[in-house]
Amino acid sequence: MDLQFVTLDVFSSTRLQGNPLAVVSVPAALKSKLSQATKQKIAQEFNLSETVFLHEAADQTALERHADIFTVEREITFGGHPTVGTAFFLVKHLQAPVETLVIKAGPIGLFLQDDNQIRAKIPHNVHLHAKTLADVVGSADYPGFSPVPQIRDAELRAPVFSVVKGMTFVLVKLPSLDLLGQVSVLGRLDFDGLPRPLLDEEWRDSFVCRYYYVDMGEEGGQRCLRTRMVELGFEDPATGSAASALGSYLTLMEEKKGTKFKLTQGVEMGRRSDISVETATKTNNGVELVDLWLGGTAVVIMKGSLTVDV
């Protein structure tokens, strides 16, 4: 079986910046032949933070496309840079008349703006978990935390927040860019092996990682944040799902109103990524998140084909 693929750098218009993504096109006739195990092996072969399997429609004029998102370890329900990168490939590169990308988390409305920015309406089911890491590990000496005391304390106390079922982030606020720069890529916290469950019941089948951020204040009507995602033994240049979670959390817990966020990630590893998040709210016995938008651009890097045995 031969499958066409492209790679893109997402959340940047500059090649070799942003977050790399592989998009593998799956013809409609081959969908049933490409097993879950084979998709996982292909994702491991690319060895990127995510690989997307984009299912071609039998009718090329269809306004909807379906996609599966894989890390090197598992399939996930939602990924921000896979969503933006796949949308850019479809709408801008292929010029397909696609209005909706359907992933496991639900349908995502897609809009191409005049500046080549993709604006994606993200399905959400936000949830703040009752426990923090301090509640479940029992000791500050538990392996996997930062050796820097101020960072470790922030990791232990950080809120745990899901943007949808299956995608959860420990939102670690740090007071300075100096401390953000001291976050290490070497430590890996085994969330599946914690002494007690971290996530609330019915939310435990989830990808979990730490997302670090520094609040940089407001500029041009946007709340600006510098971020890093360091987990799984590597650093992610851009994490749109985590950015969506952080924007949702700050909207509900601090802003109490719809807010525009500008997040800059990947600076420390030399792959700057620019992510936009916008929220809309309503008041109904408290602040409720109504709409969640994720924005960014991308650029195609490679095109090719891969051969797999089925």
C-alpha atoms as a PDB file:
ATOM      1  CA  MET A   1       0.000   0.000   0.000  1.00  0.00           C
ATOM      2  CA  ASP A   2       1.398   3.387  -1.037  1.00  0.00           C
ATOM      3  CA  LEU A   3       0.177   6.467   0.831  1.00  0.00           C
ATOM      4  CA  GLN A   4       0.934  10.097   0.013  1.00  0.00           C
ATOM      5  CA  PHE A   5       2.099  12.392   2.798  1.00  0.00           C
ATOM      6  CA  VAL A   6       3.210  15.945   3.452  1.00  0.00           C
ATOM      7  CA  THR A   7       4.956  17.503   6.401  1.00  0.00           C
ATOM      8  CA  LEU A   8       4.255  21.027   7.556  1.00  0.00           C
ATOM      9  CA  ASP A   9       5.672  23.414  10.112  1.00  0.00           C
ATOM     10  CA  VAL A  10       2.657  24.636  12.069  1.00  0.00           C
ATOM     11  CA  PHE A  11       2.099  27.886  13.964  1.00  0.00           C
ATOM     12  CA  SER A  12       4.731  29.593  11.838  1.00  0.00           C
ATOM     13  CA  SER A  13       4.983  30.957   8.296  1.00  0.00           C
ATOM     14  CA  THR A  14       8.758  30.441   8.378  1.00  0.00           C
ATOM     15  CA  ARG A  15      10.128  27.060   7.361  1.00  0.00           C
ATOM     16  CA  LEU A  16      12.055  25.163  10.050  1.00  0.00           C
ATOM     17  CA  GLN A  17      10.240  27.085  12.775  1.00  0.00           C
ATOM     18  CA  GLY A  18       6.988  26.093  14.479  1.00  0.00           C
ATOM     19  CA  ASN A  19       5.933  22.505  15.162  1.00  0.00           C
ATOM     20  CA  PRO A  20       6.476  19.789  12.526  1.00  0.00           C
ATOM     21  CA  LEU A  21       3.456  17.701  11.535  1.00  0.00           C
ATOM     22  CA  ALA A  22       2.998  14.766   9.174  1.00  0.00           C
ATOM     23  CA  VAL A  23      -0.308  14.439   7.310  1.00  0.00           C
ATOM     24  CA  VAL A  24      -0.873  11.062   5.636  1.00  0.00           C
ATOM     25  CA  SER A  25      -3.667  10.944   3.049  1.00  0.00           C
ATOM     26  CA  VAL A  26      -5.792   7.805   3.179  1.00  0.00           C
ATOM     27  CA  PRO A  27      -7.872   7.109   0.038  1.00  0.00           C
ATOM     28  CA  ALA A  28     -11.479   6.172   0.740  1.00  0.00           C
ATOM     29  CA  ALA A  29     -10.942   2.711  -0.762  1.00  0.00           C
ATOM     30  CA  LEU A  30      -8.103   1.959   1.661  1.00  0.00           C
ATOM     31  CA  LYS A  31      -9.664   3.223   4.902  1.00  0.00           C
ATOM     32  CA  SER A  32     -10.803  -0.208   6.101  1.00  0.00           C
ATOM     33  CA  LYS A  33      -7.436  -1.771   5.249  1.00  0.00           C
ATOM     34  CA  LEU A  34      -5.346   0.595   7.373  1.00  0.00           C
ATOM     35  CA  SER A  35      -5.467  -0.840  10.888  1.00  0.00           C
ATOM     36  CA  GLN A  36      -5.020   0.984  14.163  1.00  0.00           C
ATOM     37  CA  ALA A  37      -1.754  -0.873  14.746  1.00  0.00           C
ATOM     38  CA  THR A  38      -0.418   0.138  11.324  1.00  0.00           C
ATOM     39  CA  LYS A  39      -1.319   3.782  11.904  1.00  0.00           C
ATOM     40  CA  GLN A  40       0.526   3.646  15.229  1.00  0.00           C
ATOM     41  CA  LYS A  41       3.632   2.206  13.556  1.00  0.00           C
ATOM     42  CA  ILE A  42       3.533   4.889  10.856  1.00  0.00           C
ATOM     43  CA  ALA A  43       3.362   7.574  13.561  1.00  0.00           C
ATOM     44  CA  GLN A  44       6.376   5.990  15.249  1.00  0.00           C
ATOM     45  CA  GLU A  45       8.202   5.947  11.901  1.00  0.00           C
ATOM     46  CA  PHE A  46       7.708   9.704  11.482  1.00  0.00           C
ATOM     47  CA  ASN A  47       8.633  10.146  15.179  1.00  0.00           C
ATOM     48  CA  LEU A  48       6.984  13.572  15.393  1.00  0.00           C
ATOM     49  CA  SER A  49       4.854  14.801  18.265  1.00  0.00           C
ATOM     50  CA  GLU A  50       1.754  14.029  16.138  1.00  0.00           C
ATOM     51  CA  THR A  51       0.884  12.399  12.835  1.00  0.00           C
ATOM     52  CA  VAL A  52      -2.517  12.903  11.180  1.00  0.00           C
ATOM     53  CA  PHE A  53      -4.305  10.361   8.994  1.00  0.00           C
ATOM     54  CA  LEU A  54      -6.553  12.367   6.707  1.00  0.00           C
ATOM     55  CA  HIS A  55      -9.340  10.311   5.167  1.00  0.00           C
ATOM     56  CA  GLU A  56     -10.091  11.380   1.622  1.00  0.00           C
ATOM     57  CA  ALA A  57     -13.754  11.760   0.727  1.00  0.00           C
ATOM     58  CA  ALA A  58     -15.282   9.739  -2.103  1.00  0.00           C
ATOM     59  CA  ASP A  59     -16.795  13.049  -3.240  1.00  0.00           C
ATOM     60  CA  GLN A  60     -13.987  15.584  -3.537  1.00  0.00           C
ATOM     61  CA  THR A  61     -16.493  18.441  -3.289  1.00  0.00           C
ATOM     62  CA  ALA A  62     -17.631  17.299   0.166  1.00  0.00           C
ATOM     63  CA  LEU A  63     -17.504  20.044   2.779  1.00  0.00           C
ATOM     64  CA  GLU A  64     -16.386  17.663   5.544  1.00  0.00           C
ATOM     65  CA  ARG A  65     -13.261  15.566   6.094  1.00  0.00           C
ATOM     66  CA  HIS A  66     -12.416  13.065   8.836  1.00  0.00           C
ATOM     67  CA  ALA A  67      -9.010  12.681  10.483  1.00  0.00           C
ATOM     68  CA  ASP A  68      -7.291  10.572  13.154  1.00  0.00           C
ATOM     69  CA  ILE A  69      -4.488  11.996  15.314  1.00  0.00           C
ATOM     70  CA  PHE A  70      -1.666   9.844  16.701  1.00  0.00           C
ATOM     71  CA  THR A  71       1.312  10.544  18.934  1.00  0.00           C
ATOM     72  CA  VAL A  72       4.179   8.054  18.953  1.00  0.00           C
ATOM     73  CA  GLU A  73       2.445   6.298  21.850  1.00  0.00           C
ATOM     74  CA  ARG A  74      -1.320   6.463  21.268  1.00  0.00           C
ATOM     75  CA  GLU A  75      -4.248   7.920  19.380  1.00  0.00           C
ATOM     76  CA  ILE A  76      -5.559  11.140  20.933  1.00  0.00           C
ATOM     77  CA  THR A  77      -8.953  12.787  20.723  1.00  0.00           C
ATOM     78  CA  PHE A  78      -7.714  16.301  19.912  1.00  0.00           C
ATOM     79  CA  GLY A  79      -4.530  18.080  18.978  1.00  0.00           C
ATOM     80  CA  GLY A  80      -4.160  21.761  18.255  1.00  0.00           C
ATOM     81  CA  HIS A  81      -1.268  21.828  15.816  1.00  0.00           C
ATOM     82  CA  PRO A  82      -2.630  18.754  13.970  1.00  0.00           C
ATOM     83  CA  THR A  83      -5.936  20.600  13.559  1.00  0.00           C
ATOM     84  CA  VAL A  84      -4.411  23.847  12.298  1.00  0.00           C
ATOM     85  CA  GLY A  85      -1.830  22.100  10.101  1.00  0.00           C
ATOM     86  CA  THR A  86      -4.354  19.732   8.510  1.00  0.00           C
ATOM     87  CA  ALA A  87      -6.802  22.586   7.955  1.00  0.00           C
ATOM     88  CA  PHE A  88      -4.101  24.687   6.276  1.00  0.00           C
ATOM     89  CA  PHE A  89      -3.134  21.759   4.028  1.00  0.00           C
ATOM     90  CA  LEU A  90      -6.746  21.185   3.007  1.00  0.00           C
ATOM     91  CA  VAL A  91      -7.971  24.726   2.584  1.00  0.00           C
ATOM     92  CA  LYS A  92      -4.877  26.586   1.419  1.00  0.00           C
ATOM     93  CA  HIS A  93      -2.630  23.962  -0.231  1.00  0.00           C
ATOM     94  CA  LEU A  94      -5.251  21.654  -1.793  1.00  0.00           C
ATOM     95  CA  GLN A  95      -7.816  24.462  -2.044  1.00  0.00           C
ATOM     96  CA  ALA A  96     -10.484  21.957  -1.041  1.00  0.00           C
ATOM     97  CA  PRO A  97     -13.912  23.441  -0.202  1.00  0.00           C
ATOM     98  CA  VAL A  98     -13.764  22.013   3.305  1.00  0.00           C
ATOM     99  CA  GLU A  99     -15.655  23.724   6.102  1.00  0.00           C
ATOM    100  CA  THR A 100     -15.464  21.064   8.811  1.00  0.00           C
ATOM    101  CA  LEU A 101     -12.737  18.715  10.060  1.00  0.00           C
ATOM    102  CA  VAL A 102     -14.111  15.837  12.142  1.00  0.00           C
ATOM    103  CA  ILE A 103     -11.794  14.324  14.766  1.00  0.00           C
ATOM    104  CA  LYS A 104     -12.490  12.060  17.733  1.00  0.00           C
ATOM    105  CA  ALA A 105     -13.318  15.064  19.960  1.00  0.00           C
ATOM    106  CA  GLY A 106     -15.982  16.234  17.481  1.00  0.00           C
ATOM    107  CA  PRO A 107     -16.450  18.478  14.445  1.00  0.00           C
ATOM    108  CA  ILE A 108     -14.233  21.541  14.025  1.00  0.00           C
ATOM    109  CA  GLY A 109     -15.375  24.499  11.926  1.00  0.00           C
ATOM    110  CA  LEU A 110     -12.592  25.859   9.699  1.00  0.00           C
ATOM    111  CA  PHE A 111     -12.085  29.388   8.411  1.00  0.00           C
ATOM    112  CA  LEU A 112      -9.198  30.765   6.312  1.00  0.00           C
ATOM    113  CA  GLN A 113      -8.536  34.416   7.063  1.00  0.00           C
ATOM    114  CA  ASP A 114      -7.009  36.974   4.697  1.00  0.00           C
ATOM    115  CA  ASP A 115      -3.568  36.717   6.326  1.00  0.00           C
ATOM    116  CA  ASN A 116      -3.402  32.914   5.719  1.00  0.00           C
ATOM    117  CA  GLN A 117      -4.289  32.273   9.341  1.00  0.00           C
ATOM    118  CA  ILE A 118      -6.535  29.294  10.019  1.00  0.00           C
ATOM    119  CA  ARG A 119      -9.260  29.932  12.594  1.00  0.00           C
ATOM    120  CA  ALA A 120     -10.636  26.699  14.010  1.00  0.00           C
ATOM    121  CA  LYS A 121     -13.719  26.432  16.214  1.00  0.00           C
ATOM    122  CA  ILE A 122     -12.663  23.888  18.815  1.00  0.00           C
ATOM    123  CA  PRO A 123     -15.082  21.415  20.433  1.00  0.00           C
ATOM    124  CA  HIS A 124     -14.720  21.647  24.190  1.00  0.00           C
ATOM    125  CA  ASN A 125     -15.874  19.978  27.368  1.00  0.00           C
ATOM    126  CA  VAL A 126     -13.805  21.757  29.980  1.00  0.00           C
ATOM    127  CA  HIS A 127     -13.289  20.399  33.472  1.00  0.00           C
ATOM    128  CA  LEU A 128     -11.191  21.512  36.456  1.00  0.00           C
ATOM    129  CA  HIS A 129     -10.096  18.465  38.432  1.00  0.00           C
ATOM    130  CA  ALA A 130     -10.344  18.415  42.207  1.00  0.00           C
ATOM    131  CA  LYS A 131      -6.791  17.251  42.930  1.00  0.00           C
ATOM    132  CA  THR A 132      -3.349  18.626  42.263  1.00  0.00           C
ATOM    133  CA  LEU A 133      -0.128  16.631  42.023  1.00  0.00           C
ATOM    134  CA  ALA A 134       0.608  17.560  45.642  1.00  0.00           C
ATOM    135  CA  ASP A 135      -2.517  15.640  46.653  1.00  0.00           C
ATOM    136  CA  VAL A 136      -1.466  12.378  45.007  1.00  0.00           C
ATOM    137  CA  VAL A 137       2.323  11.970  45.119  1.00  0.00           C
ATOM    138  CA  GLY A 138       2.710  12.218  48.882  1.00  0.00           C
ATOM    139  CA  SER A 139       6.235  13.664  48.785  1.00  0.00           C
ATOM    140  CA  ALA A 140       8.032  16.528  47.071  1.00  0.00           C
ATOM    141  CA  ASP A 141      10.894  14.047  46.428  1.00  0.00           C
ATOM    142  CA  TYR A 142       8.725  11.975  44.087  1.00  0.00           C
ATOM    143  CA  PRO A 143      10.663  11.350  40.826  1.00  0.00           C
ATOM    144  CA  GLY A 144       9.929  13.323  37.681  1.00  0.00           C
ATOM    145  CA  PHE A 145       9.596  16.801  39.162  1.00  0.00           C
ATOM    146  CA  SER A 146      11.934  19.719  38.504  1.00  0.00           C
ATOM    147  CA  PRO A 147      15.101  19.883  40.636  1.00  0.00           C
ATOM    148  CA  VAL A 148      14.573  23.658  40.908  1.00  0.00           C
ATOM    149  CA  PRO A 149      12.600  24.204  44.150  1.00  0.00           C
ATOM    150  CA  GLN A 150      10.463  27.095  42.873  1.00  0.00           C
ATOM    151  CA  ILE A 151       9.484  25.188  39.717  1.00  0.00           C
ATOM    152  CA  ARG A 152       8.820  21.963  41.644  1.00  0.00           C
ATOM    153  CA  ASP A 153       6.562  23.795  44.087  1.00  0.00           C
ATOM    154  CA  ALA A 154       4.627  25.320  41.173  1.00  0.00           C
ATOM    155  CA  GLU A 155       4.281  21.873  39.548  1.00  0.00           C
ATOM    156  CA  LEU A 156       2.884  20.376  42.743  1.00  0.00           C
ATOM    157  CA  ARG A 157       0.299  23.155  43.257  1.00  0.00           C
ATOM    158  CA  ALA A 158      -0.742  23.694  39.629  1.00  0.00           C
ATOM    159  CA  PRO A 159      -4.393  23.231  38.586  1.00  0.00           C
ATOM    160  CA  VAL A 160      -5.223  20.169  36.491  1.00  0.00           C
ATOM    161  CA  PHE A 161      -7.557  21.044  33.631  1.00  0.00           C
ATOM    162  CA  SER A 162      -9.142  19.122  30.732  1.00  0.00           C
ATOM    163  CA  VAL A 163     -10.178  20.943  27.554  1.00  0.00           C
ATOM    164  CA  VAL A 164     -12.015  17.823  26.316  1.00  0.00           C
ATOM    165  CA  LYS A 165     -12.208  14.290  27.649  1.00  0.00           C
ATOM    166  CA  GLY A 166      -8.894  12.679  26.826  1.00  0.00           C
ATOM    167  CA  MET A 167      -6.714  15.831  26.825  1.00  0.00           C
ATOM    168  CA  THR A 168      -5.609  17.108  30.238  1.00  0.00           C
ATOM    169  CA  PHE A 169      -2.913  19.580  31.265  1.00  0.00           C
ATOM    170  CA  VAL A 170      -1.204  20.534  34.509  1.00  0.00           C
ATOM    171  CA  LEU A 171      -1.065  24.321  34.071  1.00  0.00           C
ATOM    172  CA  VAL A 172       2.155  25.430  35.777  1.00  0.00           C
ATOM    173  CA  LYS A 173       2.412  29.191  36.230  1.00  0.00           C
ATOM    174  CA  LEU A 174       5.940  30.551  36.711  1.00  0.00           C
ATOM    175  CA  PRO A 175       6.840  34.104  37.762  1.00  0.00           C
ATOM    176  CA  SER A 176       9.670  34.793  35.287  1.00  0.00           C
ATOM    177  CA  LEU A 177      11.173  33.908  31.919  1.00  0.00           C
ATOM    178  CA  ASP A 178      14.354  32.946  33.751  1.00  0.00           C
ATOM    179  CA  LEU A 179      12.524  30.147  35.568  1.00  0.00           C
ATOM    180  CA  LEU A 180      10.728  29.159  32.353  1.00  0.00           C
ATOM    181  CA  GLY A 181      14.162  28.729  30.785  1.00  0.00           C
ATOM    182  CA  GLN A 182      15.209  26.424  33.628  1.00  0.00           C
ATOM    183  CA  VAL A 183      12.455  23.879  32.938  1.00  0.00           C
ATOM    184  CA  SER A 184      14.311  20.661  32.085  1.00  0.00           C
ATOM    185  CA  VAL A 185      13.540  18.265  29.245  1.00  0.00           C
ATOM    186  CA  LEU A 186      15.186  15.409  31.131  1.00  0.00           C
ATOM    187  CA  GLY A 187      12.574  14.654  33.779  1.00  0.00           C
ATOM    188  CA  ARG A 188       9.555  12.576  32.805  1.00  0.00           C
ATOM    189  CA  LEU A 189       6.649  12.230  35.204  1.00  0.00           C
ATOM    190  CA  ASP A 190       4.810   8.921  34.800  1.00  0.00           C
ATOM    191  CA  PHE A 191       1.196  10.064  35.089  1.00  0.00           C
ATOM    192  CA  ASP A 192      -0.087   6.511  34.585  1.00  0.00           C
ATOM    193  CA  GLY A 193       1.994   5.267  37.506  1.00  0.00           C
ATOM    194  CA  LEU A 194       1.080   7.854  40.170  1.00  0.00           C
ATOM    195  CA  PRO A 195       0.357   6.438  43.667  1.00  0.00           C
ATOM    196  CA  ARG A 196      -3.260   7.642  43.510  1.00  0.00           C
ATOM    197  CA  PRO A 197      -5.504   8.828  40.647  1.00  0.00           C
ATOM    198  CA  LEU A 198      -4.910  12.452  39.714  1.00  0.00           C
ATOM    199  CA  LEU A 199      -7.965  12.886  37.502  1.00  0.00           C
ATOM    200  CA  ASP A 200     -11.575  12.822  38.569  1.00  0.00           C
ATOM    201  CA  GLU A 201     -13.543   9.649  37.943  1.00  0.00           C
ATOM    202  CA  GLU A 202     -14.896   9.321  34.388  1.00  0.00           C
ATOM    203  CA  TRP A 203     -12.045  11.549  33.143  1.00  0.00           C
ATOM    204  CA  ARG A 204      -9.137   9.168  33.767  1.00  0.00           C
ATOM    205  CA  ASP A 205      -8.693   7.786  30.259  1.00  0.00           C
ATOM    206  CA  SER A 206      -6.643  10.774  29.187  1.00  0.00           C
ATOM    207  CA  PHE A 207      -3.357  12.054  27.872  1.00  0.00           C
ATOM    208  CA  VAL A 208      -1.794  14.197  30.636  1.00  0.00           C
ATOM    209  CA  CYS A 209       1.212  16.511  30.567  1.00  0.00           C
ATOM    210  CA  ARG A 210       2.580  19.687  32.149  1.00  0.00           C
ATOM    211  CA  TYR A 211       2.262  23.047  30.401  1.00  0.00           C
ATOM    212  CA  TYR A 212       4.390  25.879  31.784  1.00  0.00           C
ATOM    213  CA  TYR A 213       3.577  29.545  31.277  1.00  0.00           C
ATOM    214  CA  VAL A 214       4.603  33.091  32.182  1.00  0.00           C
ATOM    215  CA  ASP A 215       2.053  35.917  32.015  1.00  0.00           C
ATOM    216  CA  MET A 216       3.545  38.748  29.925  1.00  0.00           C
ATOM    217  CA  GLY A 217       0.648  41.201  30.328  1.00  0.00           C
ATOM    218  CA  GLU A 218      -1.557  42.763  27.671  1.00  0.00           C
ATOM    219  CA  GLU A 219      -0.562  44.090  24.257  1.00  0.00           C
ATOM    220  CA  GLY A 220      -2.840  45.179  21.438  1.00  0.00           C
ATOM    221  CA  GLY A 221      -5.960  43.906  23.156  1.00  0.00           C
ATOM    222  CA  GLN A 222      -4.511  40.442  23.725  1.00  0.00           C
ATOM    223  CA  ARG A 223      -3.271  38.761  26.877  1.00  0.00           C
ATOM    224  CA  CYS A 224       0.253  37.594  26.044  1.00  0.00           C
ATOM    225  CA  LEU A 225       1.775  34.403  27.433  1.00  0.00           C
ATOM    226  CA  ARG A 226       5.139  32.666  26.990  1.00  0.00           C
ATOM    227  CA  THR A 227       4.795  28.904  27.236  1.00  0.00           C
ATOM    228  CA  ARG A 228       6.647  25.592  27.162  1.00  0.00           C
ATOM    229  CA  MET A 229       5.470  21.994  27.006  1.00  0.00           C
ATOM    230  CA  VAL A 230       8.159  19.656  28.287  1.00  0.00           C
ATOM    231  CA  GLU A 231       7.028  16.087  28.819  1.00  0.00           C
ATOM    232  CA  LEU A 232       7.467  12.578  27.447  1.00  0.00           C
ATOM    233  CA  GLY A 233      11.238  13.168  27.473  1.00  0.00           C
ATOM    234  CA  PHE A 234      11.133  15.911  24.825  1.00  0.00           C
ATOM    235  CA  GLU A 235      10.026  19.495  24.260  1.00  0.00           C
ATOM    236  CA  ASP A 236       7.082  20.328  22.010  1.00  0.00           C
ATOM    237  CA  PRO A 237       7.557  23.499  19.892  1.00  0.00           C
ATOM    238  CA  ALA A 238       3.810  24.276  19.911  1.00  0.00           C
ATOM    239  CA  THR A 239       0.912  22.648  21.751  1.00  0.00           C
ATOM    240  CA  GLY A 240      -2.397  23.999  20.499  1.00  0.00           C
ATOM    241  CA  SER A 241      -4.483  21.715  22.709  1.00  0.00           C
ATOM    242  CA  ALA A 242      -2.622  22.936  25.801  1.00  0.00           C
ATOM    243  CA  ALA A 243      -2.923  26.542  24.610  1.00  0.00           C
ATOM    244  CA  SER A 244      -6.676  25.991  24.222  1.00  0.00           C
ATOM    245  CA  ALA A 245      -6.850  24.533  27.721  1.00  0.00           C
ATOM    246  CA  LEU A 246      -4.849  27.397  29.226  1.00  0.00           C
ATOM    247  CA  GLY A 247      -6.932  30.054  27.475  1.00  0.00           C
ATOM    248  CA  SER A 248     -10.133  28.357  28.662  1.00  0.00           C
ATOM    249  CA  TYR A 249      -8.863  28.058  32.232  1.00  0.00           C
ATOM    250  CA  LEU A 250      -7.733  31.692  32.443  1.00  0.00           C
ATOM    251  CA  THR A 251     -11.013  32.855  30.912  1.00  0.00           C
ATOM    252  CA  LEU A 252     -13.116  31.002  33.470  1.00  0.00           C
ATOM    253  CA  MET A 253     -10.957  31.477  36.553  1.00  0.00           C
ATOM    254  CA  GLU A 254      -9.442  34.946  36.063  1.00  0.00           C
ATOM    255  CA  GLU A 255     -10.848  36.965  33.168  1.00  0.00           C
ATOM    256  CA  LYS A 256     -14.527  36.039  33.715  1.00  0.00           C
ATOM    257  CA  LYS A 257     -15.240  37.181  30.150  1.00  0.00           C
ATOM    258  CA  GLY A 258     -14.387  36.355  26.549  1.00  0.00           C
ATOM    259  CA  THR A 259     -10.689  37.032  25.958  1.00  0.00           C
ATOM    260  CA  LYS A 260      -8.067  37.004  23.189  1.00  0.00           C
ATOM    261  CA  PHE A 261      -4.767  35.316  24.002  1.00  0.00           C
ATOM    262  CA  LYS A 262      -1.441  35.354  22.163  1.00  0.00           C
ATOM    263  CA  LEU A 263       0.839  32.484  23.160  1.00  0.00           C
ATOM    264  CA  THR A 264       4.470  32.210  22.098  1.00  0.00           C
ATOM    265  CA  GLN A 265       6.067  28.782  22.495  1.00  0.00           C
ATOM    266  CA  GLY A 266       9.238  27.013  21.340  1.00  0.00           C
ATOM    267  CA  VAL A 267      11.576  29.978  21.820  1.00  0.00           C
ATOM    268  CA  GLU A 268      13.969  28.108  24.118  1.00  0.00           C
ATOM    269  CA  MET A 269      14.470  25.310  21.580  1.00  0.00           C
ATOM    270  CA  GLY A 270      14.863  27.621  18.575  1.00  0.00           C
ATOM    271  CA  ARG A 271      11.469  26.855  16.958  1.00  0.00           C
ATOM    272  CA  ARG A 272       9.304  29.872  17.728  1.00  0.00           C
ATOM    273  CA  SER A 273       5.585  29.242  17.386  1.00  0.00           C
ATOM    274  CA  ASP A 274       2.790  31.828  17.501  1.00  0.00           C
ATOM    275  CA  ILE A 275      -0.583  30.561  18.704  1.00  0.00           C
ATOM    276  CA  SER A 276      -3.798  32.512  19.084  1.00  0.00           C
ATOM    277  CA  VAL A 277      -6.721  31.511  21.292  1.00  0.00           C
ATOM    278  CA  GLU A 278     -10.001  33.355  21.593  1.00  0.00           C
ATOM    279  CA  THR A 279     -12.868  32.595  23.953  1.00  0.00           C
ATOM    280  CA  ALA A 280     -16.492  33.668  24.214  1.00  0.00           C
ATOM    281  CA  THR A 281     -18.556  33.337  27.378  1.00  0.00           C
ATOM    282  CA  LYS A 282     -22.008  33.767  28.806  1.00  0.00           C
ATOM    283  CA  THR A 283     -23.184  34.265  32.360  1.00  0.00           C
ATOM    284  CA  ASN A 284     -25.460  31.546  33.692  1.00  0.00           C
ATOM    285  CA  ASN A 285     -25.037  31.100  37.460  1.00  0.00           C
ATOM    286  CA  GLY A 286     -21.385  31.845  36.837  1.00  0.00           C
ATOM    287  CA  VAL A 287     -19.222  32.220  33.752  1.00  0.00           C
ATOM    288  CA  GLU A 288     -19.703  29.540  31.094  1.00  0.00           C
ATOM    289  CA  LEU A 289     -17.447  28.950  28.107  1.00  0.00           C
ATOM    290  CA  VAL A 290     -19.496  29.164  24.900  1.00  0.00           C
ATOM    291  CA  ASP A 291     -16.963  29.262  22.043  1.00  0.00           C
ATOM    292  CA  LEU A 292     -13.292  28.388  21.822  1.00  0.00           C
ATOM    293  CA  TRP A 293     -11.214  29.376  18.785  1.00  0.00           C
ATOM    294  CA  LEU A 294      -7.665  28.295  17.965  1.00  0.00           C
ATOM    295  CA  GLY A 295      -5.663  30.166  15.332  1.00  0.00           C
ATOM    296  CA  GLY A 296      -2.385  29.929  13.482  1.00  0.00           C
ATOM    297  CA  THR A 297      -0.759  29.339  10.122  1.00  0.00           C
ATOM    298  CA  ALA A 298       1.520  26.704   8.598  1.00  0.00           C
ATOM    299  CA  VAL A 299       3.940  26.081   5.737  1.00  0.00           C
ATOM    300  CA  VAL A 300       4.537  22.888   3.709  1.00  0.00           C
ATOM    301  CA  ILE A 301       8.026  21.397   4.087  1.00  0.00           C
ATOM    302  CA  MET A 302       8.108  17.955   2.451  1.00  0.00           C
ATOM    303  CA  LYS A 303       5.987  15.815   0.132  1.00  0.00           C
ATOM    304  CA  GLY A 304       6.376  12.120  -0.560  1.00  0.00           C
ATOM    305  CA  SER A 305       4.926   8.645  -0.375  1.00  0.00           C
ATOM    306  CA  LEU A 306       5.314   5.816   2.095  1.00  0.00           C
ATOM    307  CA  THR A 307       4.842   2.112   1.498  1.00  0.00           C
ATOM    308  CA  VAL A 308       3.342  -0.194   4.095  1.00  0.00           C
ATOM    309  CA  ASP A 309       2.486  -3.879   3.998  1.00  0.00           C
ATOM    310  CA  VAL A 310      -1.093  -4.773   4.919  1.00  0.00           C
END
